[in-house]
């Protein structure tokens, strides 16, 4: 099993923040949290794309 690890402290904080927000608000589209995290943590577009991919992988885990 491969685990994706974010690089950079801001990105790590954003991943944790998004995870917490998703637990608190499971009915909200996760991409909204990615947008919000981009502003809150001053992420680059590349970092935001990483977060979107991470969420997609989390929402659609590979079946083994």
PDB file of N, CA and C in Angstrom:
ATOM      1  N   UNK A   1       0.846  -1.180   0.000  1.00  0.00           N
ATOM      2  CA  UNK A   1       0.000   0.000   0.000  1.00  0.00           C
ATOM      3  C   UNK A   1       0.888   1.239   0.000  1.00  0.00           C
ATOM      4  N   UNK A   2       0.625   2.157  -0.895  1.00  0.00           N
ATOM      5  CA  UNK A   2       1.398   3.378  -0.996  1.00  0.00           C
ATOM      6  C   UNK A   2       0.666   4.504  -0.295  1.00  0.00           C
ATOM      7  N   UNK A   3       1.387   5.244   0.530  1.00  0.00           N
ATOM      8  CA  UNK A   3       0.818   6.387   1.221  1.00  0.00           C
ATOM      9  C   UNK A   3       1.417   7.651   0.643  1.00  0.00           C
ATOM     10  N   UNK A   4       0.554   8.611   0.330  1.00  0.00           N
ATOM     11  CA  UNK A   4       1.017   9.889  -0.198  1.00  0.00           C
ATOM     12  C   UNK A   4       1.334  10.790   0.986  1.00  0.00           C
ATOM     13  N   UNK A   5       2.539  11.325   1.031  1.00  0.00           N
ATOM     14  CA  UNK A   5       2.958  12.207   2.101  1.00  0.00           C
ATOM     15  C   UNK A   5       3.141  13.625   1.562  1.00  0.00           C
ATOM     16  N   UNK A   6       2.422  14.590   2.129  1.00  0.00           N
ATOM     17  CA  UNK A   6       2.614  15.968   1.684  1.00  0.00           C
ATOM     18  C   UNK A   6       3.952  16.512   2.141  1.00  0.00           C
ATOM     19  N   UNK A   7       4.509  17.394   1.344  1.00  0.00           N
ATOM     20  CA  UNK A   7       5.770  18.030   1.709  1.00  0.00           C
ATOM     21  C   UNK A   7       5.497  19.476   2.087  1.00  0.00           C
ATOM     22  N   UNK A   8       6.224  19.966   3.050  1.00  0.00           N
ATOM     23  CA  UNK A   8       6.066  21.344   3.480  1.00  0.00           C
ATOM     24  C   UNK A   8       5.085  21.451   4.633  1.00  0.00           C
ATOM     25  N   UNK A   9       5.435  22.301   5.558  1.00  0.00           N
ATOM     26  CA  UNK A   9       4.627  22.448   6.770  1.00  0.00           C
ATOM     27  C   UNK A   9       3.239  23.002   6.477  1.00  0.00           C
ATOM     28  N   UNK A  10       3.136  23.984   5.575  1.00  0.00           N
ATOM     29  CA  UNK A  10       1.828  24.551   5.249  1.00  0.00           C
ATOM     30  C   UNK A  10       0.906  23.494   4.658  1.00  0.00           C
ATOM     31  N   UNK A  11       1.458  22.652   3.805  1.00  0.00           N
ATOM     32  CA  UNK A  11       0.654  21.620   3.164  1.00  0.00           C
ATOM     33  C   UNK A  11       0.218  20.570   4.188  1.00  0.00           C
ATOM     34  N   UNK A  12       1.092  20.217   5.101  1.00  0.00           N
ATOM     35  CA  UNK A  12       0.724  19.257   6.152  1.00  0.00           C
ATOM     36  C   UNK A  12      -0.404  19.809   7.020  1.00  0.00           C
ATOM     37  N   UNK A  13      -0.306  21.099   7.365  1.00  0.00           N
ATOM     38  CA  UNK A  13      -1.358  21.722   8.162  1.00  0.00           C
ATOM     39  C   UNK A  13      -2.667  21.755   7.388  1.00  0.00           C
ATOM     40  N   UNK A  14      -2.591  22.019   6.096  1.00  0.00           N
ATOM     41  CA  UNK A  14      -3.795  22.066   5.266  1.00  0.00           C
ATOM     42  C   UNK A  14      -4.465  20.699   5.192  1.00  0.00           C
ATOM     43  N   UNK A  15      -3.681  19.640   5.056  1.00  0.00           N
ATOM     44  CA  UNK A  15      -4.235  18.282   5.004  1.00  0.00           C
ATOM     45  C   UNK A  15      -4.968  17.979   6.310  1.00  0.00           C
ATOM     46  N   UNK A  16      -4.355  18.307   7.423  1.00  0.00           N
ATOM     47  CA  UNK A  16      -4.981  18.069   8.726  1.00  0.00           C
ATOM     48  C   UNK A  16      -6.258  18.898   8.864  1.00  0.00           C
ATOM     49  N   UNK A  17      -6.200  20.160   8.458  1.00  0.00           N
ATOM     50  CA  UNK A  17      -7.347  21.057   8.558  1.00  0.00           C
ATOM     51  C   UNK A  17      -8.512  20.531   7.712  1.00  0.00           C
ATOM     52  N   UNK A  18      -8.218  20.117   6.476  1.00  0.00           N
ATOM     53  CA  UNK A  18      -9.258  19.589   5.596  1.00  0.00           C
ATOM     54  C   UNK A  18      -9.868  18.327   6.194  1.00  0.00           C
ATOM     55  N   UNK A  19      -9.042  17.466   6.737  1.00  0.00           N
ATOM     56  CA  UNK A  19      -9.540  16.237   7.354  1.00  0.00           C
ATOM     57  C   UNK A  19     -10.521  16.547   8.482  1.00  0.00           C
ATOM     58  N   UNK A  20     -10.163  17.518   9.320  1.00  0.00           N
ATOM     59  CA  UNK A  20     -11.038  17.904  10.424  1.00  0.00           C
ATOM     60  C   UNK A  20     -12.340  18.504   9.902  1.00  0.00           C
ATOM     61  N   UNK A  21     -12.250  19.357   8.891  1.00  0.00           N
ATOM     62  CA  UNK A  21     -13.445  19.990   8.330  1.00  0.00           C
ATOM     63  C   UNK A  21     -14.374  18.964   7.696  1.00  0.00           C
ATOM     64  N   UNK A  22     -13.795  17.958   7.044  1.00  0.00           N
ATOM     65  CA  UNK A  22     -14.615  16.918   6.409  1.00  0.00           C
ATOM     66  C   UNK A  22     -15.360  16.108   7.458  1.00  0.00           C
ATOM     67  N   UNK A  23     -14.735  15.869   8.613  1.00  0.00           N
ATOM     68  CA  UNK A  23     -15.410  15.138   9.690  1.00  0.00           C
ATOM     69  C   UNK A  23     -16.552  15.967  10.274  1.00  0.00           C
ATOM     70  N   UNK A  24     -16.318  17.276  10.415  1.00  0.00           N
ATOM     71  CA  UNK A  24     -17.324  18.175  10.979  1.00  0.00           C
ATOM     72  C   UNK A  24     -18.478  18.411  10.015  1.00  0.00           C
ATOM     73  N   UNK A  25     -18.183  18.413   8.704  1.00  0.00           N
ATOM     74  CA  UNK A  25     -19.165  18.772   7.680  1.00  0.00           C
ATOM     75  C   UNK A  25     -19.135  17.759   6.544  1.00  0.00           C
ATOM     76  N   UNK A  26     -19.583  16.527   6.788  1.00  0.00           N
ATOM     77  CA  UNK A  26     -19.463  15.483   5.765  1.00  0.00           C
ATOM     78  C   UNK A  26     -20.286  15.728   4.502  1.00  0.00           C
ATOM     79  N   UNK A  27     -21.291  16.607   4.573  1.00  0.00           N
ATOM     80  CA  UNK A  27     -22.142  16.857   3.410  1.00  0.00           C
ATOM     81  C   UNK A  27     -21.600  17.942   2.480  1.00  0.00           C
ATOM     82  N   UNK A  28     -20.546  18.639   2.897  1.00  0.00           N
ATOM     83  CA  UNK A  28     -19.973  19.706   2.076  1.00  0.00           C
ATOM     84  C   UNK A  28     -19.011  19.096   1.059  1.00  0.00           C
ATOM     85  N   UNK A  29     -19.056  19.622  -0.164  1.00  0.00           N
ATOM     86  CA  UNK A  29     -18.152  19.158  -1.222  1.00  0.00           C
ATOM     87  C   UNK A  29     -16.710  19.389  -0.780  1.00  0.00           C
ATOM     88  N   UNK A  30     -15.884  18.347  -0.757  1.00  0.00           N
ATOM     89  CA  UNK A  30     -14.496  18.485  -0.292  1.00  0.00           C
ATOM     90  C   UNK A  30     -13.669  19.504  -1.074  1.00  0.00           C
ATOM     91  N   UNK A  31     -14.009  19.730  -2.339  1.00  0.00           N
ATOM     92  CA  UNK A  31     -13.231  20.704  -3.112  1.00  0.00           C
ATOM     93  C   UNK A  31     -13.382  22.109  -2.537  1.00  0.00           C
ATOM     94  N   UNK A  32     -14.493  22.383  -1.843  1.00  0.00           N
ATOM     95  CA  UNK A  32     -14.643  23.685  -1.185  1.00  0.00           C
ATOM     96  C   UNK A  32     -13.597  23.836  -0.090  1.00  0.00           C
ATOM     97  N   UNK A  33     -13.359  22.757   0.647  1.00  0.00           N
ATOM     98  CA  UNK A  33     -12.344  22.819   1.696  1.00  0.00           C
ATOM     99  C   UNK A  33     -10.951  23.033   1.107  1.00  0.00           C
ATOM    100  N   UNK A  34     -10.692  22.447  -0.053  1.00  0.00           N
ATOM    101  CA  UNK A  34      -9.400  22.646  -0.717  1.00  0.00           C
ATOM    102  C   UNK A  34      -9.247  24.120  -1.089  1.00  0.00           C
ATOM    103  N   UNK A  35     -10.293  24.712  -1.644  1.00  0.00           N
ATOM    104  CA  UNK A  35     -10.242  26.136  -1.986  1.00  0.00           C
ATOM    105  C   UNK A  35     -10.003  26.983  -0.749  1.00  0.00           C
ATOM    106  N   UNK A  36     -10.747  26.683   0.319  1.00  0.00           N
ATOM    107  CA  UNK A  36     -10.601  27.441   1.565  1.00  0.00           C
ATOM    108  C   UNK A  36      -9.200  27.278   2.149  1.00  0.00           C
ATOM    109  N   UNK A  37      -8.681  26.059   2.105  1.00  0.00           N
ATOM    110  CA  UNK A  37      -7.337  25.795   2.639  1.00  0.00           C
ATOM    111  C   UNK A  37      -6.284  26.539   1.829  1.00  0.00           C
ATOM    112  N   UNK A  38      -6.495  26.631   0.517  1.00  0.00           N
ATOM    113  CA  UNK A  38      -5.552  27.365  -0.327  1.00  0.00           C
ATOM    114  C   UNK A  38      -5.380  28.800   0.125  1.00  0.00           C
ATOM    115  N   UNK A  39      -6.487  29.430   0.477  1.00  0.00           N
ATOM    116  CA  UNK A  39      -6.431  30.811   0.967  1.00  0.00           C
ATOM    117  C   UNK A  39      -5.878  30.877   2.384  1.00  0.00           C
ATOM    118  N   UNK A  40      -6.376  30.009   3.240  1.00  0.00           N
ATOM    119  CA  UNK A  40      -5.995  30.058   4.648  1.00  0.00           C
ATOM    120  C   UNK A  40      -4.512  29.777   4.862  1.00  0.00           C
ATOM    121  N   UNK A  41      -3.960  28.842   4.097  1.00  0.00           N
ATOM    122  CA  UNK A  41      -2.569  28.434   4.301  1.00  0.00           C
ATOM    123  C   UNK A  41      -1.635  28.970   3.221  1.00  0.00           C
ATOM    124  N   UNK A  42      -2.155  29.855   2.359  1.00  0.00           N
ATOM    125  CA  UNK A  42      -1.360  30.487   1.308  1.00  0.00           C
ATOM    126  C   UNK A  42      -0.631  29.440   0.460  1.00  0.00           C
ATOM    127  N   UNK A  43      -1.420  28.499  -0.071  1.00  0.00           N
ATOM    128  CA  UNK A  43      -0.849  27.404  -0.852  1.00  0.00           C
ATOM    129  C   UNK A  43      -0.699  27.796  -2.320  1.00  0.00           C
ATOM    130  N   UNK A  44       0.252  27.183  -2.958  1.00  0.00           N
ATOM    131  CA  UNK A  44       0.452  27.392  -4.387  1.00  0.00           C
ATOM    132  C   UNK A  44      -0.604  26.605  -5.162  1.00  0.00           C
ATOM    133  N   UNK A  45      -0.817  26.943  -6.429  1.00  0.00           N
ATOM    134  CA  UNK A  45      -1.740  26.145  -7.250  1.00  0.00           C
ATOM    135  C   UNK A  45      -1.327  24.669  -7.300  1.00  0.00           C
ATOM    136  N   UNK A  46      -0.028  24.417  -7.328  1.00  0.00           N
ATOM    137  CA  UNK A  46       0.462  23.033  -7.346  1.00  0.00           C
ATOM    138  C   UNK A  46       0.066  22.305  -6.057  1.00  0.00           C
ATOM    139  N   UNK A  47       0.167  22.986  -4.930  1.00  0.00           N
ATOM    140  CA  UNK A  47      -0.229  22.392  -3.655  1.00  0.00           C
ATOM    141  C   UNK A  47      -1.731  22.111  -3.634  1.00  0.00           C
ATOM    142  N   UNK A  48      -2.517  23.031  -4.174  1.00  0.00           N
ATOM    143  CA  UNK A  48      -3.965  22.834  -4.219  1.00  0.00           C
ATOM    144  C   UNK A  48      -4.324  21.642  -5.101  1.00  0.00           C
ATOM    145  N   UNK A  49      -3.625  21.490  -6.205  1.00  0.00           N
ATOM    146  CA  UNK A  49      -3.852  20.330  -7.075  1.00  0.00           C
ATOM    147  C   UNK A  49      -3.518  19.036  -6.332  1.00  0.00           C
ATOM    148  N   UNK A  50      -2.441  19.049  -5.570  1.00  0.00           N
ATOM    149  CA  UNK A  50      -2.069  17.890  -4.767  1.00  0.00           C
ATOM    150  C   UNK A  50      -3.203  17.525  -3.803  1.00  0.00           C
ATOM    151  N   UNK A  51      -3.752  18.543  -3.135  1.00  0.00           N
ATOM    152  CA  UNK A  51      -4.830  18.290  -2.186  1.00  0.00           C
ATOM    153  C   UNK A  51      -6.057  17.702  -2.881  1.00  0.00           C
ATOM    154  N   UNK A  52      -6.380  18.211  -4.058  1.00  0.00           N
ATOM    155  CA  UNK A  52      -7.520  17.667  -4.804  1.00  0.00           C
ATOM    156  C   UNK A  52      -7.294  16.200  -5.161  1.00  0.00           C
ATOM    157  N   UNK A  53      -6.074  15.871  -5.606  1.00  0.00           N
ATOM    158  CA  UNK A  53      -5.766  14.471  -5.927  1.00  0.00           C
ATOM    159  C   UNK A  53      -5.854  13.605  -4.677  1.00  0.00           C
ATOM    160  N   UNK A  54      -5.367  14.109  -3.568  1.00  0.00           N
ATOM    161  CA  UNK A  54      -5.394  13.379  -2.313  1.00  0.00           C
ATOM    162  C   UNK A  54      -6.835  13.077  -1.900  1.00  0.00           C
ATOM    163  N   UNK A  55      -7.697  14.050  -2.033  1.00  0.00           N
ATOM    164  CA  UNK A  55      -9.102  13.861  -1.678  1.00  0.00           C
ATOM    165  C   UNK A  55      -9.766  12.862  -2.609  1.00  0.00           C
ATOM    166  N   UNK A  56      -9.477  12.954  -3.890  1.00  0.00           N
ATOM    167  CA  UNK A  56     -10.051  11.992  -4.847  1.00  0.00           C
ATOM    168  C   UNK A  56      -9.619  10.573  -4.505  1.00  0.00           C
ATOM    169  N   UNK A  57      -8.347  10.409  -4.164  1.00  0.00           N
ATOM    170  CA  UNK A  57      -7.839   9.078  -3.792  1.00  0.00           C
ATOM    171  C   UNK A  57      -8.489   8.592  -2.501  1.00  0.00           C
ATOM    172  N   UNK A  58      -8.742   9.505  -1.595  1.00  0.00           N
ATOM    173  CA  UNK A  58      -9.371   9.151  -0.322  1.00  0.00           C
ATOM    174  C   UNK A  58     -10.835   8.763  -0.526  1.00  0.00           C
ATOM    175  N   UNK A  59     -11.507   9.452  -1.451  1.00  0.00           N
ATOM    176  CA  UNK A  59     -12.916   9.172  -1.720  1.00  0.00           C
ATOM    177  C   UNK A  59     -13.117   7.902  -2.536  1.00  0.00           C
ATOM    178  N   UNK A  60     -12.104   7.515  -3.315  1.00  0.00           N
ATOM    179  CA  UNK A  60     -12.191   6.344  -4.181  1.00  0.00           C
ATOM    180  C   UNK A  60     -10.991   5.428  -3.971  1.00  0.00           C
ATOM    181  N   UNK A  61     -10.918   4.786  -2.806  1.00  0.00           N
ATOM    182  CA  UNK A  61      -9.753   3.925  -2.553  1.00  0.00           C
ATOM    183  C   UNK A  61      -9.715   2.752  -3.528  1.00  0.00           C
ATOM    184  N   UNK A  62      -8.502   2.341  -3.846  1.00  0.00           N
ATOM    185  CA  UNK A  62      -8.339   1.183  -4.740  1.00  0.00           C
ATOM    186  C   UNK A  62      -8.763  -0.061  -3.997  1.00  0.00           C
ATOM    187  N   UNK A  63      -9.483  -0.896  -4.687  1.00  0.00           N
ATOM    188  CA  UNK A  63      -9.860  -2.163  -4.064  1.00  0.00           C
ATOM    189  C   UNK A  63      -8.743  -3.166  -4.270  1.00  0.00           C
ATOM    190  N   UNK A  64      -8.429  -3.899  -3.236  1.00  0.00           N
ATOM    191  CA  UNK A  64      -7.330  -4.859  -3.309  1.00  0.00           C
ATOM    192  C   UNK A  64      -7.845  -6.264  -3.264  1.00  0.00           C
TER     193      UNK A  64
END
